[in-house]
């Protein structure tokens, strides 16, 4: 059937791994680990950006709930404020907006701010923050919520 090669003798000087093979395997492993580290850093940045977007939604709903509790004042523009402007107006509306703007800054950073614009039936709440750390983020990232009161 099969002929045996009786003269076959294994080479005795090839018992281990050469230094070049070890260096190549370390290089391949190092490149892989650097790729994993880069992906981890990107994931952390984008996770922070997602957290800030979630905070923008929460803060928008917070001021809208306060406005629904004082709907007459909100419908006549008592809660209206320009972006990053100091609130003024009736004591309750002013206290609500000051509290809201402080909460926005506390949860999203010192550069975050907001604006409110209402007409007779709908209100637009805009929250703006610095999202430059996220992938494709901008320095003045806006998030707007439009709702009926």
N, C-alpha and C. Protein backbone atom coordinates (compact mmCIF):
# COMPACT_ATOMS: atom_id res chain seq x y z
N UNK A 1 0.81 -1.17 0.00
CA UNK A 1 0.00 0.00 0.00
C UNK A 1 0.87 1.24 0.00
N UNK A 2 1.23 1.68 1.15
CA UNK A 2 2.06 2.88 1.22
C UNK A 2 3.49 2.45 1.49
N UNK A 3 4.37 3.09 0.79
CA UNK A 3 5.78 2.77 1.00
C UNK A 3 6.30 3.64 2.12
N UNK A 4 7.01 3.03 2.98
CA UNK A 4 7.59 3.76 4.09
C UNK A 4 8.97 4.24 3.72
N UNK A 5 9.23 5.43 4.17
CA UNK A 5 10.57 5.95 3.98
C UNK A 5 11.35 5.68 5.25
N UNK A 6 12.14 4.66 5.20
CA UNK A 6 12.89 4.27 6.38
C UNK A 6 14.09 5.17 6.64
N UNK A 7 14.44 5.96 5.66
CA UNK A 7 15.60 6.85 5.81
C UNK A 7 15.20 8.22 6.38
N UNK A 8 13.92 8.42 6.70
CA UNK A 8 13.47 9.71 7.22
C UNK A 8 13.93 9.88 8.64
N UNK A 9 14.59 10.98 8.86
CA UNK A 9 15.06 11.32 10.20
C UNK A 9 14.64 12.76 10.50
N UNK A 10 13.96 12.99 11.60
CA UNK A 10 13.56 14.37 11.93
C UNK A 10 14.78 15.24 12.20
N UNK A 11 14.61 16.52 11.83
CA UNK A 11 15.71 17.46 12.08
C UNK A 11 15.73 17.81 13.56
N UNK A 12 16.86 17.69 14.14
CA UNK A 12 16.96 17.91 15.57
C UNK A 12 17.12 19.39 15.93
N UNK A 13 17.52 20.23 15.02
CA UNK A 13 17.75 21.63 15.36
C UNK A 13 16.49 22.49 15.16
N UNK A 14 15.32 21.91 14.89
CA UNK A 14 14.09 22.68 14.75
C UNK A 14 13.11 22.35 15.87
N UNK A 15 13.60 22.28 17.09
CA UNK A 15 12.77 21.91 18.22
C UNK A 15 11.98 23.08 18.81
N UNK A 16 12.34 24.33 18.55
CA UNK A 16 11.68 25.47 19.20
C UNK A 16 11.15 26.46 18.19
N UNK A 17 10.75 27.61 18.71
CA UNK A 17 10.24 28.69 17.89
C UNK A 17 11.35 29.70 17.72
N UNK A 18 11.50 30.20 16.51
CA UNK A 18 12.58 31.16 16.29
C UNK A 18 12.22 32.52 16.85
N UNK A 19 13.20 33.33 17.05
CA UNK A 19 13.01 34.66 17.61
C UNK A 19 12.19 35.54 16.67
N UNK A 20 12.35 35.39 15.38
CA UNK A 20 11.59 36.17 14.42
C UNK A 20 10.10 35.83 14.51
N UNK A 21 9.77 34.58 14.66
CA UNK A 21 8.36 34.19 14.80
C UNK A 21 7.75 34.78 16.07
N UNK A 22 8.49 34.82 17.13
CA UNK A 22 8.00 35.41 18.38
C UNK A 22 7.79 36.90 18.21
N UNK A 23 8.74 37.59 17.57
CA UNK A 23 8.59 39.04 17.36
C UNK A 23 7.39 39.36 16.48
N UNK A 24 7.16 38.58 15.45
CA UNK A 24 6.01 38.81 14.57
C UNK A 24 4.71 38.59 15.32
N UNK A 25 4.64 37.55 16.13
CA UNK A 25 3.41 37.30 16.89
C UNK A 25 3.16 38.39 17.92
N UNK A 26 4.19 38.92 18.55
CA UNK A 26 4.04 40.03 19.50
C UNK A 26 3.58 41.28 18.78
N UNK A 27 4.10 41.52 17.58
CA UNK A 27 3.69 42.68 16.79
C UNK A 27 2.21 42.58 16.40
N UNK A 28 1.79 41.42 15.95
CA UNK A 28 0.39 41.23 15.57
C UNK A 28 -0.52 41.42 16.79
N UNK A 29 -0.13 40.86 17.91
CA UNK A 29 -0.92 41.01 19.12
C UNK A 29 -0.96 42.47 19.58
N UNK A 30 0.14 43.18 19.48
CA UNK A 30 0.19 44.59 19.86
C UNK A 30 -0.71 45.45 19.00
N UNK A 31 -0.73 45.21 17.69
CA UNK A 31 -1.60 45.96 16.80
C UNK A 31 -3.07 45.68 17.14
N UNK A 32 -3.38 44.45 17.44
CA UNK A 32 -4.75 44.10 17.83
C UNK A 32 -5.17 44.79 19.12
N UNK A 33 -4.29 44.82 20.10
CA UNK A 33 -4.61 45.47 21.36
C UNK A 33 -4.75 46.97 21.21
N UNK A 34 -3.94 47.58 20.34
CA UNK A 34 -4.09 49.02 20.08
C UNK A 34 -5.44 49.31 19.43
N UNK A 35 -5.88 48.44 18.54
CA UNK A 35 -7.19 48.62 17.92
C UNK A 35 -8.30 48.52 18.93
N UNK A 36 -8.19 47.58 19.84
CA UNK A 36 -9.20 47.43 20.89
C UNK A 36 -9.21 48.66 21.79
N UNK A 37 -8.04 49.19 22.13
CA UNK A 37 -7.97 50.40 22.97
C UNK A 37 -8.59 51.60 22.27
N UNK A 38 -8.37 51.73 20.97
CA UNK A 38 -8.97 52.84 20.22
C UNK A 38 -10.48 52.71 20.18
N UNK A 39 -10.99 51.50 19.99
CA UNK A 39 -12.44 51.30 20.00
C UNK A 39 -13.03 51.61 21.37
N UNK A 40 -12.32 51.27 22.43
CA UNK A 40 -12.80 51.55 23.78
C UNK A 40 -12.88 53.05 24.03
N UNK A 41 -11.87 53.78 23.59
CA UNK A 41 -11.88 55.24 23.77
C UNK A 41 -13.03 55.88 22.99
N UNK A 42 -13.27 55.42 21.79
CA UNK A 42 -14.39 55.94 20.99
C UNK A 42 -15.72 55.62 21.65
N UNK A 43 -15.84 54.42 22.16
CA UNK A 43 -17.09 54.03 22.83
C UNK A 43 -17.34 54.89 24.07
N UNK A 44 -16.30 55.21 24.81
CA UNK A 44 -16.47 56.07 25.99
C UNK A 44 -16.91 57.48 25.61
N UNK A 45 -16.31 58.03 24.55
CA UNK A 45 -16.70 59.37 24.10
C UNK A 45 -18.16 59.38 23.65
N UNK A 46 -18.54 58.40 22.88
CA UNK A 46 -19.91 58.36 22.39
C UNK A 46 -20.90 58.04 23.49
N UNK A 47 -20.47 57.32 24.49
CA UNK A 47 -21.33 57.05 25.64
C UNK A 47 -21.61 58.35 26.40
N UNK A 48 -20.61 59.20 26.55
CA UNK A 48 -20.79 60.50 27.20
C UNK A 48 -21.74 61.37 26.38
N UNK A 49 -21.61 61.33 25.07
CA UNK A 49 -22.50 62.10 24.21
C UNK A 49 -23.94 61.61 24.34
N UNK A 50 -24.13 60.31 24.41
CA UNK A 50 -25.48 59.75 24.58
C UNK A 50 -26.06 60.13 25.94
N UNK A 51 -25.23 60.15 26.97
CA UNK A 51 -25.70 60.58 28.29
C UNK A 51 -26.17 62.03 28.25
N UNK A 52 -25.42 62.89 27.58
CA UNK A 52 -25.81 64.29 27.50
C UNK A 52 -27.10 64.47 26.72
N UNK A 53 -27.29 63.68 25.67
CA UNK A 53 -28.56 63.74 24.92
C UNK A 53 -29.72 63.30 25.82
N UNK A 54 -29.51 62.26 26.59
CA UNK A 54 -30.56 61.81 27.52
C UNK A 54 -30.86 62.89 28.55
N UNK A 55 -29.83 63.55 29.04
CA UNK A 55 -30.03 64.63 30.00
C UNK A 55 -30.80 65.78 29.37
N UNK A 56 -30.55 66.07 28.08
CA UNK A 56 -31.29 67.13 27.40
C UNK A 56 -32.78 66.80 27.34
N UNK A 57 -33.10 65.55 27.07
CA UNK A 57 -34.51 65.13 27.04
C UNK A 57 -35.13 65.28 28.43
N UNK A 58 -34.43 64.80 29.44
CA UNK A 58 -34.94 64.88 30.81
C UNK A 58 -35.16 66.32 31.23
N UNK A 59 -34.19 67.18 30.95
CA UNK A 59 -34.31 68.59 31.35
C UNK A 59 -35.42 69.30 30.59
N UNK A 60 -35.62 68.93 29.32
CA UNK A 60 -36.73 69.52 28.56
C UNK A 60 -38.07 69.14 29.18
N UNK A 61 -38.22 67.89 29.51
CA UNK A 61 -39.48 67.44 30.11
C UNK A 61 -39.68 68.04 31.50
N UNK A 62 -38.60 68.31 32.20
CA UNK A 62 -38.71 68.91 33.53
C UNK A 62 -39.34 70.29 33.47
N UNK A 63 -38.84 71.14 32.56
CA UNK A 63 -39.40 72.50 32.48
C UNK A 63 -40.80 72.46 31.88
N UNK A 64 -41.06 71.53 30.97
CA UNK A 64 -42.42 71.42 30.42
C UNK A 64 -43.42 71.02 31.49
N UNK A 65 -43.03 70.14 32.38
CA UNK A 65 -43.92 69.78 33.49
C UNK A 65 -44.19 70.97 34.40
N UNK A 66 -43.16 71.78 34.67
CA UNK A 66 -43.36 72.98 35.48
C UNK A 66 -44.27 73.97 34.76
N UNK A 67 -44.13 74.05 33.44
CA UNK A 67 -44.98 74.96 32.67
C UNK A 67 -46.43 74.48 32.65
N UNK A 68 -46.63 73.17 32.60
CA UNK A 68 -48.00 72.64 32.63
C UNK A 68 -48.66 72.89 33.99
N UNK A 69 -47.87 72.98 35.03
CA UNK A 69 -48.41 73.30 36.35
C UNK A 69 -48.83 74.76 36.45
N UNK A 70 -48.27 75.61 35.58
CA UNK A 70 -48.57 77.04 35.56
C UNK A 70 -48.94 77.42 34.12
N UNK A 71 -49.92 76.72 33.56
CA UNK A 71 -50.20 76.80 32.13
C UNK A 71 -50.67 78.18 31.67
N UNK A 72 -51.40 78.90 32.49
CA UNK A 72 -51.85 80.23 32.08
C UNK A 72 -50.67 81.16 31.84
N UNK A 73 -49.71 81.12 32.73
CA UNK A 73 -48.51 81.95 32.58
C UNK A 73 -47.69 81.53 31.37
N UNK A 74 -47.59 80.23 31.13
CA UNK A 74 -46.82 79.73 29.99
C UNK A 74 -47.45 80.14 28.67
N UNK A 75 -48.78 80.11 28.59
CA UNK A 75 -49.45 80.44 27.34
C UNK A 75 -49.34 81.92 26.97
N UNK A 76 -49.16 82.78 27.95
CA UNK A 76 -49.00 84.20 27.63
C UNK A 76 -47.54 84.60 27.49
N UNK A 77 -46.63 83.61 27.51
CA UNK A 77 -45.21 83.89 27.29
C UNK A 77 -44.42 84.18 28.55
N UNK A 78 -44.97 83.87 29.70
CA UNK A 78 -44.27 84.14 30.95
C UNK A 78 -43.03 83.30 31.16
N UNK A 79 -42.92 82.19 30.44
CA UNK A 79 -41.74 81.33 30.56
C UNK A 79 -40.75 81.55 29.42
N UNK A 80 -41.10 82.37 28.45
CA UNK A 80 -40.23 82.57 27.30
C UNK A 80 -38.89 83.17 27.74
N UNK A 81 -37.84 82.62 27.18
CA UNK A 81 -36.50 83.13 27.45
C UNK A 81 -35.61 82.84 26.26
N UNK A 82 -34.70 83.76 25.98
CA UNK A 82 -33.75 83.56 24.89
C UNK A 82 -32.64 82.60 25.33
N UNK A 83 -31.90 82.08 24.37
CA UNK A 83 -30.83 81.13 24.67
C UNK A 83 -29.79 81.79 25.58
N UNK A 84 -29.55 81.16 26.70
CA UNK A 84 -28.54 81.56 27.68
C UNK A 84 -28.82 82.92 28.31
N UNK A 85 -30.06 83.39 28.26
CA UNK A 85 -30.40 84.68 28.85
C UNK A 85 -30.83 84.50 30.30
N UNK A 86 -30.62 85.53 31.09
CA UNK A 86 -31.05 85.50 32.49
C UNK A 86 -32.57 85.65 32.55
N UNK A 87 -33.24 84.80 33.30
CA UNK A 87 -34.71 84.85 33.37
C UNK A 87 -35.21 86.10 34.09
N UNK A 88 -36.36 86.58 33.63
CA UNK A 88 -37.06 87.68 34.29
C UNK A 88 -38.55 87.45 34.10
N UNK A 89 -39.36 88.00 34.99
CA UNK A 89 -40.81 87.84 34.86
C UNK A 89 -41.44 87.62 36.21
N UNK A 90 -42.56 86.90 36.21
CA UNK A 90 -43.28 86.67 37.46
C UNK A 90 -42.44 85.78 38.38
N UNK A 91 -42.66 85.87 39.68
CA UNK A 91 -41.81 85.13 40.62
C UNK A 91 -41.81 83.61 40.40
N UNK A 92 -42.97 83.01 40.16
CA UNK A 92 -43.01 81.56 39.98
C UNK A 92 -42.32 81.14 38.68
N UNK A 93 -42.63 81.83 37.59
CA UNK A 93 -42.00 81.49 36.31
C UNK A 93 -40.49 81.72 36.36
N UNK A 94 -40.07 82.80 36.98
CA UNK A 94 -38.64 83.07 37.10
C UNK A 94 -37.95 82.00 37.94
N UNK A 95 -38.56 81.64 39.05
CA UNK A 95 -37.97 80.60 39.91
C UNK A 95 -37.88 79.27 39.17
N UNK A 96 -38.91 78.93 38.40
CA UNK A 96 -38.88 77.68 37.63
C UNK A 96 -37.76 77.70 36.60
N UNK A 97 -37.61 78.81 35.88
CA UNK A 97 -36.58 78.89 34.85
C UNK A 97 -35.18 78.93 35.44
N UNK A 98 -34.99 79.64 36.54
CA UNK A 98 -33.67 79.67 37.19
C UNK A 98 -33.30 78.27 37.66
N UNK A 99 -34.24 77.60 38.29
CA UNK A 99 -34.00 76.23 38.75
C UNK A 99 -33.68 75.31 37.58
N UNK A 100 -34.43 75.46 36.48
CA UNK A 100 -34.21 74.64 35.29
C UNK A 100 -32.84 74.89 34.66
N UNK A 101 -32.48 76.15 34.49
CA UNK A 101 -31.17 76.46 33.89
C UNK A 101 -30.03 75.98 34.77
N UNK A 102 -30.17 76.08 36.08
CA UNK A 102 -29.13 75.55 36.97
C UNK A 102 -29.03 74.03 36.86
N UNK A 103 -30.17 73.35 36.74
CA UNK A 103 -30.15 71.90 36.58
C UNK A 103 -29.53 71.49 35.24
N UNK A 104 -29.80 72.27 34.20
CA UNK A 104 -29.18 71.99 32.89
C UNK A 104 -27.67 72.10 33.00
N UNK A 105 -27.19 73.16 33.62
CA UNK A 105 -25.74 73.35 33.75
C UNK A 105 -25.11 72.29 34.65
N UNK A 106 -25.81 71.92 35.72
CA UNK A 106 -25.28 70.91 36.63
C UNK A 106 -25.17 69.54 35.95
N UNK A 107 -26.14 69.20 35.13
CA UNK A 107 -26.15 67.86 34.54
C UNK A 107 -25.39 67.77 33.23
N UNK A 108 -25.19 68.90 32.52
CA UNK A 108 -24.59 68.84 31.20
C UNK A 108 -23.35 69.71 31.03
N UNK A 109 -22.90 70.36 32.06
CA UNK A 109 -21.70 71.17 31.96
C UNK A 109 -22.00 72.65 32.03
N UNK A 110 -20.97 73.42 32.34
CA UNK A 110 -21.14 74.86 32.57
C UNK A 110 -21.52 75.63 31.31
N UNK A 111 -21.22 75.10 30.13
CA UNK A 111 -21.55 75.82 28.90
C UNK A 111 -22.95 75.51 28.40
N UNK A 112 -23.65 74.59 29.03
CA UNK A 112 -25.00 74.23 28.59
C UNK A 112 -25.98 75.33 28.96
N UNK A 113 -26.97 75.53 28.11
CA UNK A 113 -28.00 76.52 28.40
C UNK A 113 -29.27 76.13 27.65
N UNK A 114 -30.31 76.94 27.83
CA UNK A 114 -31.58 76.61 27.21
C UNK A 114 -32.38 77.83 26.84
N UNK A 115 -33.41 77.57 26.04
CA UNK A 115 -34.33 78.63 25.61
C UNK A 115 -35.74 78.06 25.58
N UNK A 116 -36.71 78.95 25.78
CA UNK A 116 -38.12 78.56 25.76
C UNK A 116 -38.87 79.58 24.91
N UNK A 117 -39.72 79.09 24.01
CA UNK A 117 -40.55 79.96 23.18
C UNK A 117 -41.94 79.34 23.09
N UNK A 118 -42.94 80.10 23.54
CA UNK A 118 -44.32 79.60 23.54
C UNK A 118 -45.23 80.55 22.79
N UNK A 119 -46.26 79.95 22.18
CA UNK A 119 -47.36 80.75 21.67
C UNK A 119 -48.63 80.30 22.40
N UNK A 120 -49.78 80.50 21.85
CA UNK A 120 -51.02 80.20 22.56
C UNK A 120 -51.21 78.71 22.85
N UNK A 121 -50.66 77.84 22.00
CA UNK A 121 -50.91 76.41 22.18
C UNK A 121 -49.66 75.55 22.26
N UNK A 122 -48.58 75.93 21.62
CA UNK A 122 -47.37 75.09 21.59
C UNK A 122 -46.19 75.81 22.20
N UNK A 123 -45.29 75.01 22.74
CA UNK A 123 -44.04 75.54 23.30
C UNK A 123 -42.87 74.75 22.72
N UNK A 124 -41.78 75.46 22.49
CA UNK A 124 -40.54 74.84 22.04
C UNK A 124 -39.49 75.08 23.10
N UNK A 125 -38.93 74.00 23.61
CA UNK A 125 -37.86 74.07 24.59
C UNK A 125 -36.59 73.58 23.89
N UNK A 126 -35.57 74.42 23.89
CA UNK A 126 -34.30 74.07 23.24
C UNK A 126 -33.21 74.03 24.30
N UNK A 127 -32.47 72.94 24.30
CA UNK A 127 -31.31 72.79 25.19
C UNK A 127 -30.09 72.70 24.30
N UNK A 128 -29.03 73.41 24.69
CA UNK A 128 -27.80 73.46 23.89
C UNK A 128 -26.62 73.15 24.79
N UNK A 129 -25.66 72.36 24.29
CA UNK A 129 -24.49 71.99 25.08
C UNK A 129 -23.31 71.74 24.16
N UNK A 130 -22.12 71.63 24.75
CA UNK A 130 -20.89 71.37 24.00
C UNK A 130 -20.73 69.86 23.83
N UNK A 131 -20.82 69.41 22.59
CA UNK A 131 -20.73 67.98 22.29
C UNK A 131 -19.51 67.68 21.43
N UNK A 132 -18.46 68.47 21.55
CA UNK A 132 -17.27 68.27 20.70
C UNK A 132 -16.52 66.99 21.02
N UNK A 133 -16.71 66.43 22.20
CA UNK A 133 -16.00 65.18 22.53
C UNK A 133 -16.59 63.98 21.84
N UNK A 134 -17.85 64.02 21.47
CA UNK A 134 -18.48 62.91 20.77
C UNK A 134 -18.07 62.86 19.31
N UNK A 135 -18.27 61.73 18.68
CA UNK A 135 -17.95 61.59 17.26
C UNK A 135 -18.87 62.52 16.45
N UNK A 136 -18.26 63.36 15.62
CA UNK A 136 -18.98 64.32 14.78
C UNK A 136 -19.80 65.30 15.62
N UNK A 137 -19.40 65.55 16.85
CA UNK A 137 -20.11 66.49 17.71
C UNK A 137 -19.73 67.92 17.38
N UNK A 138 -20.59 68.85 17.79
CA UNK A 138 -20.32 70.27 17.54
C UNK A 138 -20.31 71.02 18.87
N UNK A 139 -19.79 72.23 18.83
CA UNK A 139 -19.62 73.00 20.06
C UNK A 139 -20.96 73.48 20.62
N UNK A 140 -21.94 73.68 19.78
CA UNK A 140 -23.26 74.14 20.24
C UNK A 140 -24.31 73.15 19.73
N UNK A 141 -24.35 71.98 20.32
CA UNK A 141 -25.28 70.92 19.91
C UNK A 141 -26.68 71.25 20.43
N UNK A 142 -27.66 71.48 19.56
CA UNK A 142 -29.01 71.81 20.03
C UNK A 142 -29.90 70.57 20.09
N UNK A 143 -30.85 70.62 21.00
CA UNK A 143 -31.91 69.62 21.09
C UNK A 143 -33.20 70.37 21.38
N UNK A 144 -34.20 70.20 20.54
CA UNK A 144 -35.44 70.93 20.69
C UNK A 144 -36.61 69.97 20.92
N UNK A 145 -37.49 70.35 21.82
CA UNK A 145 -38.73 69.61 22.09
C UNK A 145 -39.90 70.56 21.84
N UNK A 146 -40.82 70.14 20.99
CA UNK A 146 -42.00 70.93 20.72
C UNK A 146 -43.19 70.16 21.24
N UNK A 147 -44.04 70.84 22.01
CA UNK A 147 -45.20 70.17 22.60
C UNK A 147 -46.37 71.13 22.74
N UNK A 148 -47.52 70.57 22.94
CA UNK A 148 -48.72 71.38 23.22
C UNK A 148 -48.90 71.44 24.73
N UNK A 149 -49.34 72.57 25.19
CA UNK A 149 -49.63 72.72 26.63
C UNK A 149 -51.07 72.41 26.93
